[in-house]
N, C-alpha and C. Protein backbone atom coordinates (compact mmCIF):
# COMPACT_ATOMS: atom_id res chain seq x y z
N MET A 1 -36.44 21.67 159.31
CA MET A 1 -35.26 21.78 158.49
C MET A 1 -34.95 23.25 158.22
N GLN A 2 -35.96 24.04 157.95
CA GLN A 2 -35.77 25.46 157.69
C GLN A 2 -35.17 26.17 158.91
N LYS A 3 -35.62 25.76 160.11
CA LYS A 3 -35.10 26.37 161.33
C LYS A 3 -33.63 26.06 161.50
N ALA A 4 -33.21 24.86 161.15
CA ALA A 4 -31.81 24.47 161.27
C ALA A 4 -30.95 25.27 160.29
N ILE A 5 -31.47 25.44 159.10
CA ILE A 5 -30.74 26.22 158.09
C ILE A 5 -30.63 27.68 158.54
N GLY A 6 -31.70 28.22 159.09
CA GLY A 6 -31.70 29.60 159.58
C GLY A 6 -30.70 29.79 160.70
N ARG A 7 -30.67 28.84 161.66
CA ARG A 7 -29.70 28.94 162.76
C ARG A 7 -28.26 28.84 162.22
N TYR A 8 -28.05 27.98 161.23
CA TYR A 8 -26.72 27.82 160.63
C TYR A 8 -26.26 29.14 160.01
N ARG A 9 -27.14 29.77 159.26
CA ARG A 9 -26.80 31.04 158.60
C ARG A 9 -26.49 32.12 159.64
N GLU A 10 -27.27 32.21 160.69
CA GLU A 10 -27.04 33.20 161.73
C GLU A 10 -25.69 32.97 162.42
N ASN A 11 -25.41 31.71 162.72
CA ASN A 11 -24.13 31.39 163.36
C ASN A 11 -22.95 31.69 162.45
N THR A 12 -23.09 31.38 161.18
CA THR A 12 -21.98 31.65 160.25
C THR A 12 -21.79 33.15 160.06
N LYS A 13 -22.89 33.92 160.04
CA LYS A 13 -22.77 35.38 159.92
C LYS A 13 -22.03 35.96 161.12
N GLU A 14 -22.39 35.50 162.31
CA GLU A 14 -21.73 35.98 163.52
C GLU A 14 -20.26 35.58 163.53
N ALA A 15 -19.99 34.36 163.09
CA ALA A 15 -18.60 33.89 163.03
C ALA A 15 -17.81 34.73 162.03
N LEU A 16 -18.43 35.04 160.89
CA LEU A 16 -17.75 35.88 159.89
C LEU A 16 -17.50 37.28 160.44
N LYS A 17 -18.49 37.83 161.14
CA LYS A 17 -18.32 39.16 161.72
C LYS A 17 -17.18 39.15 162.73
N ASN A 18 -17.15 38.13 163.58
CA ASN A 18 -16.07 38.03 164.57
C ASN A 18 -14.73 37.85 163.88
N ASN A 19 -14.71 37.00 162.86
CA ASN A 19 -13.49 36.73 162.11
C ASN A 19 -13.03 37.99 161.39
N ASN A 20 -13.97 38.71 160.77
CA ASN A 20 -13.64 39.95 160.07
C ASN A 20 -13.11 41.01 161.03
N SER A 21 -13.71 41.12 162.19
CA SER A 21 -13.24 42.13 163.16
C SER A 21 -11.83 41.80 163.63
N ILE A 22 -11.52 40.52 163.78
CA ILE A 22 -10.16 40.12 164.17
C ILE A 22 -9.18 40.45 163.05
N GLU A 23 -9.57 40.18 161.79
CA GLU A 23 -8.71 40.50 160.65
C GLU A 23 -8.49 42.01 160.54
N VAL A 24 -9.54 42.77 160.76
CA VAL A 24 -9.42 44.23 160.70
C VAL A 24 -8.48 44.72 161.79
N GLU A 25 -8.59 44.16 162.98
CA GLU A 25 -7.69 44.56 164.07
C GLU A 25 -6.24 44.23 163.74
N HIS A 26 -6.00 43.05 163.18
CA HIS A 26 -4.63 42.67 162.77
C HIS A 26 -4.12 43.62 161.68
N HIS A 27 -5.00 43.92 160.75
CA HIS A 27 -4.61 44.82 159.66
C HIS A 27 -4.29 46.21 160.21
N MET A 28 -5.09 46.70 161.14
CA MET A 28 -4.85 48.00 161.75
C MET A 28 -3.52 48.02 162.51
N GLU A 29 -3.22 46.96 163.24
CA GLU A 29 -1.95 46.87 163.96
C GLU A 29 -0.78 46.90 162.97
N HIS A 30 -0.93 46.16 161.89
CA HIS A 30 0.12 46.14 160.86
C HIS A 30 0.32 47.54 160.27
N LEU A 31 -0.77 48.24 159.98
CA LEU A 31 -0.67 49.59 159.43
C LEU A 31 -0.03 50.56 160.42
N LYS A 32 -0.34 50.41 161.71
CA LYS A 32 0.27 51.27 162.72
C LYS A 32 1.77 51.05 162.79
N GLU A 33 2.20 49.78 162.74
CA GLU A 33 3.64 49.47 162.76
C GLU A 33 4.32 50.04 161.53
N GLU A 34 3.68 49.88 160.39
CA GLU A 34 4.25 50.38 159.14
C GLU A 34 4.36 51.91 159.18
N THR A 35 3.35 52.57 159.73
CA THR A 35 3.38 54.03 159.86
C THR A 35 4.51 54.47 160.77
N ALA A 36 4.72 53.77 161.87
CA ALA A 36 5.81 54.11 162.79
C ALA A 36 7.16 53.94 162.10
N ASN A 37 7.32 52.86 161.34
CA ASN A 37 8.58 52.63 160.62
C ASN A 37 8.83 53.73 159.59
N ILE A 38 7.80 54.11 158.87
CA ILE A 38 7.95 55.17 157.87
C ILE A 38 8.29 56.49 158.54
N ALA A 39 7.68 56.78 159.68
CA ALA A 39 7.98 58.02 160.41
C ALA A 39 9.45 58.04 160.85
N LYS A 40 9.98 56.90 161.30
CA LYS A 40 11.39 56.82 161.68
C LYS A 40 12.29 57.08 160.48
N LYS A 41 11.95 56.46 159.34
CA LYS A 41 12.75 56.65 158.13
C LYS A 41 12.73 58.11 157.69
N ILE A 42 11.57 58.75 157.77
CA ILE A 42 11.46 60.16 157.40
C ILE A 42 12.34 61.02 158.30
N GLU A 43 12.33 60.74 159.59
CA GLU A 43 13.16 61.51 160.53
C GLU A 43 14.64 61.33 160.21
N ILE A 44 15.05 60.11 159.93
CA ILE A 44 16.45 59.84 159.58
C ILE A 44 16.82 60.59 158.31
N LEU A 45 15.94 60.58 157.31
CA LEU A 45 16.21 61.28 156.06
C LEU A 45 16.28 62.80 156.26
N GLU A 46 15.43 63.33 157.12
CA GLU A 46 15.46 64.76 157.40
C GLU A 46 16.75 65.16 158.09
N VAL A 47 17.22 64.35 159.03
CA VAL A 47 18.49 64.63 159.71
C VAL A 47 19.63 64.58 158.69
N SER A 48 19.61 63.58 157.83
CA SER A 48 20.64 63.45 156.80
C SER A 48 20.60 64.65 155.86
N LYS A 49 19.42 65.07 155.48
CA LYS A 49 19.28 66.23 154.58
C LYS A 49 19.84 67.48 155.24
N ARG A 50 19.51 67.69 156.52
CA ARG A 50 20.02 68.86 157.23
C ARG A 50 21.54 68.85 157.27
N LYS A 51 22.12 67.68 157.51
CA LYS A 51 23.58 67.59 157.54
C LYS A 51 24.18 67.90 156.18
N LEU A 52 23.54 67.39 155.11
CA LEU A 52 24.05 67.65 153.77
C LEU A 52 23.92 69.13 153.41
N MET A 53 22.93 69.79 153.97
CA MET A 53 22.74 71.22 153.72
C MET A 53 23.64 72.07 154.62
N GLY A 54 24.38 71.43 155.52
CA GLY A 54 25.32 72.14 156.38
C GLY A 54 24.73 72.59 157.70
N GLN A 55 23.54 72.14 158.02
CA GLN A 55 22.90 72.54 159.27
C GLN A 55 23.14 71.47 160.33
N GLY A 56 23.51 71.87 161.51
CA GLY A 56 23.67 70.94 162.62
C GLY A 56 24.86 70.00 162.49
N ILE A 57 25.90 70.43 161.78
CA ILE A 57 27.06 69.55 161.64
C ILE A 57 28.10 69.79 162.73
N GLY A 58 27.82 70.74 163.61
CA GLY A 58 28.76 71.03 164.70
C GLY A 58 28.94 69.86 165.64
N SER A 59 27.93 69.03 165.75
CA SER A 59 28.01 67.90 166.67
C SER A 59 28.49 66.63 165.98
N CYS A 60 28.84 66.70 164.71
CA CYS A 60 29.28 65.51 163.96
C CYS A 60 30.74 65.19 164.27
N SER A 61 31.06 63.92 164.26
CA SER A 61 32.44 63.48 164.45
C SER A 61 33.19 63.64 163.12
N MET A 62 34.50 63.46 163.17
CA MET A 62 35.31 63.56 161.96
C MET A 62 34.88 62.52 160.94
N ASN A 63 34.59 61.31 161.41
CA ASN A 63 34.17 60.25 160.48
C ASN A 63 32.86 60.61 159.79
N GLU A 64 31.92 61.18 160.56
CA GLU A 64 30.64 61.58 159.97
C GLU A 64 30.85 62.70 158.95
N LEU A 65 31.71 63.65 159.29
CA LEU A 65 31.99 64.74 158.36
C LEU A 65 32.66 64.22 157.09
N GLN A 66 33.57 63.27 157.26
CA GLN A 66 34.24 62.68 156.09
C GLN A 66 33.23 61.95 155.22
N GLU A 67 32.30 61.23 155.84
CA GLU A 67 31.27 60.51 155.10
C GLU A 67 30.35 61.48 154.35
N ILE A 68 30.00 62.59 155.01
CA ILE A 68 29.19 63.61 154.34
C ILE A 68 29.93 64.19 153.15
N ASP A 69 31.22 64.47 153.34
CA ASP A 69 32.04 65.00 152.25
C ASP A 69 32.10 64.01 151.09
N ASN A 70 32.31 62.74 151.39
CA ASN A 70 32.36 61.72 150.34
C ASN A 70 31.03 61.62 149.60
N GLN A 71 29.94 61.68 150.35
CA GLN A 71 28.62 61.59 149.74
C GLN A 71 28.37 62.80 148.82
N LEU A 72 28.76 63.98 149.29
CA LEU A 72 28.61 65.17 148.46
C LEU A 72 29.45 65.07 147.19
N GLU A 73 30.67 64.57 147.31
CA GLU A 73 31.54 64.41 146.14
C GLU A 73 30.93 63.44 145.14
N ARG A 74 30.39 62.31 145.64
CA ARG A 74 29.76 61.33 144.74
C ARG A 74 28.56 61.95 144.03
N ASN A 75 27.75 62.67 144.79
CA ASN A 75 26.57 63.29 144.19
C ASN A 75 26.96 64.34 143.16
N LEU A 76 27.99 65.13 143.48
CA LEU A 76 28.45 66.14 142.55
C LEU A 76 28.99 65.50 141.27
N LYS A 77 29.71 64.40 141.42
CA LYS A 77 30.23 63.68 140.26
C LYS A 77 29.07 63.16 139.39
N ASN A 78 28.03 62.62 140.04
CA ASN A 78 26.87 62.14 139.29
C ASN A 78 26.16 63.27 138.56
N ILE A 79 26.04 64.41 139.22
CA ILE A 79 25.38 65.56 138.60
C ILE A 79 26.17 66.04 137.39
N ARG A 80 27.49 66.12 137.55
CA ARG A 80 28.33 66.57 136.43
C ARG A 80 28.27 65.59 135.26
N ALA A 81 28.25 64.30 135.56
CA ALA A 81 28.16 63.29 134.50
C ALA A 81 26.82 63.41 133.77
N ARG A 82 25.77 63.62 134.51
CA ARG A 82 24.44 63.77 133.90
C ARG A 82 24.38 65.03 133.03
N LYS A 83 24.96 66.12 133.55
CA LYS A 83 24.98 67.37 132.81
C LYS A 83 25.77 67.21 131.51
N THR A 84 26.92 66.55 131.59
CA THR A 84 27.73 66.30 130.41
C THR A 84 26.97 65.47 129.39
N GLN A 85 26.28 64.44 129.86
CA GLN A 85 25.51 63.59 128.96
C GLN A 85 24.40 64.38 128.28
N LEU A 86 23.73 65.24 129.03
CA LEU A 86 22.67 66.06 128.44
C LEU A 86 23.23 66.99 127.38
N PHE A 87 24.40 67.58 127.64
CA PHE A 87 25.02 68.45 126.65
C PHE A 87 25.41 67.66 125.40
N LYS A 88 25.97 66.47 125.58
CA LYS A 88 26.34 65.64 124.43
C LYS A 88 25.11 65.27 123.61
N ASP A 89 24.04 64.91 124.28
CA ASP A 89 22.80 64.57 123.57
C ASP A 89 22.28 65.77 122.79
N GLU A 90 22.34 66.94 123.41
CA GLU A 90 21.87 68.16 122.74
C GLU A 90 22.74 68.48 121.53
N ILE A 91 24.05 68.30 121.66
CA ILE A 91 24.95 68.55 120.53
C ILE A 91 24.64 67.60 119.39
N GLU A 92 24.44 66.32 119.69
CA GLU A 92 24.11 65.35 118.65
C GLU A 92 22.79 65.70 117.97
N ARG A 93 21.82 66.13 118.76
CA ARG A 93 20.52 66.50 118.20
C ARG A 93 20.67 67.71 117.28
N LEU A 94 21.47 68.69 117.71
CA LEU A 94 21.66 69.88 116.89
C LEU A 94 22.46 69.58 115.63
N LYS A 95 23.43 68.67 115.70
CA LYS A 95 24.18 68.27 114.51
C LYS A 95 23.26 67.59 113.50
N ALA A 96 22.38 66.73 113.99
CA ALA A 96 21.44 66.07 113.10
C ALA A 96 20.50 67.08 112.46
N LYS A 97 20.07 68.06 113.23
CA LYS A 97 19.18 69.10 112.69
C LYS A 97 19.93 69.94 111.66
N GLU A 98 21.20 70.25 111.94
CA GLU A 98 22.01 71.01 110.99
C GLU A 98 22.12 70.26 109.67
N LYS A 99 22.40 68.96 109.76
CA LYS A 99 22.53 68.14 108.56
C LYS A 99 21.22 68.14 107.78
N GLN A 100 20.11 67.99 108.49
CA GLN A 100 18.80 67.98 107.84
C GLN A 100 18.53 69.32 107.15
N LEU A 101 18.85 70.42 107.83
CA LEU A 101 18.61 71.74 107.25
C LEU A 101 19.51 72.00 106.04
N LEU A 102 20.75 71.53 106.10
CA LEU A 102 21.64 71.68 104.94
C LEU A 102 21.12 70.89 103.75
N GLU A 103 20.64 69.68 104.00
CA GLU A 103 20.07 68.88 102.91
C GLU A 103 18.82 69.54 102.34
N GLU A 104 17.98 70.07 103.22
CA GLU A 104 16.77 70.75 102.75
C GLU A 104 17.12 72.00 101.97
N ASN A 105 18.12 72.73 102.43
CA ASN A 105 18.58 73.93 101.72
C ASN A 105 19.09 73.56 100.33
N GLU A 106 19.86 72.50 100.25
CA GLU A 106 20.39 72.04 98.96
C GLU A 106 19.24 71.64 98.02
N ARG A 107 18.27 70.92 98.56
CA ARG A 107 17.13 70.49 97.75
C ARG A 107 16.33 71.69 97.25
N LEU A 108 16.09 72.65 98.13
CA LEU A 108 15.33 73.84 97.73
C LEU A 108 16.10 74.67 96.72
N SER A 109 17.41 74.73 96.87
CA SER A 109 18.23 75.46 95.89
C SER A 109 18.14 74.81 94.53
N GLU A 110 18.17 73.50 94.48
CA GLU A 110 18.05 72.79 93.21
C GLU A 110 16.66 72.97 92.61
N GLU A 111 15.63 73.00 93.45
CA GLU A 111 14.27 73.21 92.95
C GLU A 111 14.13 74.59 92.32
N CYS A 112 14.75 75.57 92.90
CA CYS A 112 14.66 76.93 92.39
C CYS A 112 15.60 77.16 91.21
N GLY A 113 16.43 76.21 90.91
CA GLY A 113 17.37 76.34 89.81
C GLY A 113 18.62 77.10 90.20
N LEU A 114 18.77 77.35 91.44
CA LEU A 114 19.95 78.07 91.89
C LEU A 114 21.05 77.08 92.21
N ARG A 115 22.21 77.43 91.83
CA ARG A 115 23.37 76.62 92.16
C ARG A 115 24.19 77.38 93.19
N ARG A 116 24.63 76.67 94.14
CA ARG A 116 25.50 77.32 95.11
C ARG A 116 26.84 77.58 94.46
N GLN A 117 27.22 78.83 94.45
CA GLN A 117 28.50 79.18 93.85
C GLN A 117 29.55 79.16 94.94
N PRO A 118 30.73 78.71 94.58
CA PRO A 118 31.79 78.71 95.59
C PRO A 118 32.04 80.13 96.08
N GLU A 119 32.42 80.21 97.31
CA GLU A 119 32.66 81.52 97.89
C GLU A 119 33.84 82.19 97.19
N ALA A 120 33.67 83.47 96.92
CA ALA A 120 34.72 84.23 96.24
C ALA A 120 35.87 84.46 97.22
N PRO A 121 37.08 84.47 96.69
CA PRO A 121 38.21 84.74 97.58
C PRO A 121 38.12 86.18 98.08
N PRO A 122 38.72 86.48 99.19
CA PRO A 122 38.66 87.84 99.70
C PRO A 122 39.29 88.81 98.71
N PRO A 123 38.81 90.05 98.66
CA PRO A 123 39.37 91.01 97.69
C PRO A 123 40.84 91.27 98.01
N PRO A 124 41.60 91.54 96.95
CA PRO A 124 43.03 91.80 97.18
C PRO A 124 43.20 93.08 98.00
N LEU A 125 44.33 93.14 98.67
CA LEU A 125 44.61 94.31 99.50
C LEU A 125 44.83 95.53 98.62
N THR A 126 44.24 96.62 99.01
CA THR A 126 44.47 97.86 98.26
C THR A 126 45.82 98.43 98.65
N ARG A 127 46.23 99.40 97.89
CA ARG A 127 47.54 99.98 98.14
C ARG A 127 47.58 100.69 99.50
N ILE A 128 46.48 101.32 99.90
CA ILE A 128 46.45 102.03 101.19
C ILE A 128 46.53 101.03 102.34
N SER A 129 45.74 99.94 102.25
CA SER A 129 45.77 98.96 103.33
C SER A 129 47.12 98.25 103.39
N GLN A 130 47.77 98.09 102.19
CA GLN A 130 49.11 97.49 102.19
C GLN A 130 50.10 98.41 102.89
N GLN A 131 49.96 99.71 102.66
CA GLN A 131 50.87 100.66 103.30
C GLN A 131 50.66 100.66 104.82
N LYS A 132 49.39 100.61 105.24
CA LYS A 132 49.11 100.58 106.68
C LYS A 132 49.71 99.33 107.32
N GLU A 133 49.55 98.20 106.63
CA GLU A 133 50.07 96.95 107.17
C GLU A 133 51.59 97.00 107.24
N THR A 134 52.22 97.53 106.21
CA THR A 134 53.67 97.64 106.18
C THR A 134 54.14 98.58 107.28
N ALA A 135 53.44 99.69 107.46
CA ALA A 135 53.84 100.66 108.48
C ALA A 135 53.72 100.06 109.88
N SER A 136 52.64 99.33 110.13
CA SER A 136 52.49 98.75 111.46
C SER A 136 53.54 97.69 111.72
N CYS A 137 53.91 96.94 110.69
CA CYS A 137 54.95 95.93 110.87
C CYS A 137 56.30 96.58 111.12
N SER A 138 56.61 97.63 110.34
CA SER A 138 57.91 98.27 110.52
C SER A 138 57.98 98.99 111.86
N HIS A 139 56.84 99.54 112.32
CA HIS A 139 56.81 100.21 113.62
C HIS A 139 57.07 99.21 114.74
N SER A 140 56.49 98.02 114.64
CA SER A 140 56.68 97.03 115.69
C SER A 140 58.09 96.48 115.68
N VAL A 141 58.73 96.46 114.51
CA VAL A 141 60.10 95.97 114.44
C VAL A 141 61.04 96.99 115.07
N GLN A 142 60.78 98.28 114.83
CA GLN A 142 61.67 99.31 115.34
C GLN A 142 61.57 99.45 116.85
N ASN A 143 60.38 99.37 117.42
CA ASN A 143 60.19 99.58 118.85
C ASN A 143 60.11 98.22 119.53
N THR A 144 61.23 97.75 120.08
CA THR A 144 61.26 96.43 120.70
C THR A 144 61.12 96.50 122.21
N GLU A 145 61.14 97.71 122.79
CA GLU A 145 60.99 97.84 124.22
C GLU A 145 59.50 97.85 124.57
N VAL A 146 59.18 97.24 125.69
CA VAL A 146 57.79 97.16 126.12
C VAL A 146 57.64 97.89 127.45
N GLU A 147 56.58 98.69 127.57
CA GLU A 147 56.31 99.39 128.82
C GLU A 147 55.58 98.44 129.75
N THR A 148 56.10 98.28 130.96
CA THR A 148 55.52 97.29 131.87
C THR A 148 54.88 97.92 133.10
N ASP A 149 54.57 99.23 133.05
CA ASP A 149 53.92 99.87 134.19
C ASP A 149 52.46 99.45 134.23
N LEU A 150 51.91 99.46 135.43
CA LEU A 150 50.51 99.11 135.63
C LEU A 150 49.69 100.38 135.64
N PHE A 151 48.70 100.46 134.74
CA PHE A 151 47.79 101.59 134.68
C PHE A 151 46.41 101.10 135.03
N ILE A 152 45.72 101.84 135.89
CA ILE A 152 44.35 101.51 136.24
C ILE A 152 43.46 102.57 135.60
N GLY A 153 42.50 102.14 134.81
CA GLY A 153 41.60 103.07 134.12
C GLY A 153 41.88 103.05 132.64
N LEU A 154 41.17 103.94 131.93
CA LEU A 154 41.33 104.00 130.48
C LEU A 154 42.62 104.72 130.13
N PRO A 155 43.27 104.34 129.04
CA PRO A 155 44.49 105.04 128.64
C PRO A 155 44.16 106.46 128.20
N ASP A 156 45.14 107.35 128.28
CA ASP A 156 44.94 108.76 127.93
C ASP A 156 44.60 108.92 126.45
N ILE A 157 44.99 108.01 125.61
CA ILE A 157 44.77 108.10 124.17
C ILE A 157 43.28 108.14 123.86
N CYS A 158 42.50 107.39 124.60
CA CYS A 158 41.05 107.31 124.35
C CYS A 158 40.36 108.62 124.67
N TRP A 159 40.89 109.42 125.58
CA TRP A 159 40.23 110.65 126.01
C TRP A 159 40.68 111.85 125.19
N SER A 160 41.72 111.70 124.42
CA SER A 160 42.25 112.83 123.64
C SER A 160 41.37 113.15 122.47
């Protein structure tokens, strides 16, 4: 009985080895096919990339050139939309931070006992500045002709 069991085990081991070697061969064939397919896809993508970069487009037909142009336009539109969205997100983030900082500033001012005083109106015009303003207005009213010559370089007034 032991001899029969021993022969059975040996036969099953050999059968498993043969079966495993067949499975390994099938698996290797599958991997080789997959590698070849991936290599073809990589080559196609490289050719497409070169065309998008402007290399080797001399041999392209009008339809191919139009398709490349359309693809570039779509990609550019997507990039601009993404850029706009990033700017909008950044603006929203900065507005929220501004609001938080204003609230914190208000809280700290109240803690220190300081009250924010309304901004003072600008100081009234002095008599000298009023005269200058009046003179410049009257000068512009009197001289209504405009010089339309083209000058290249700094005006002579700056060098005097």
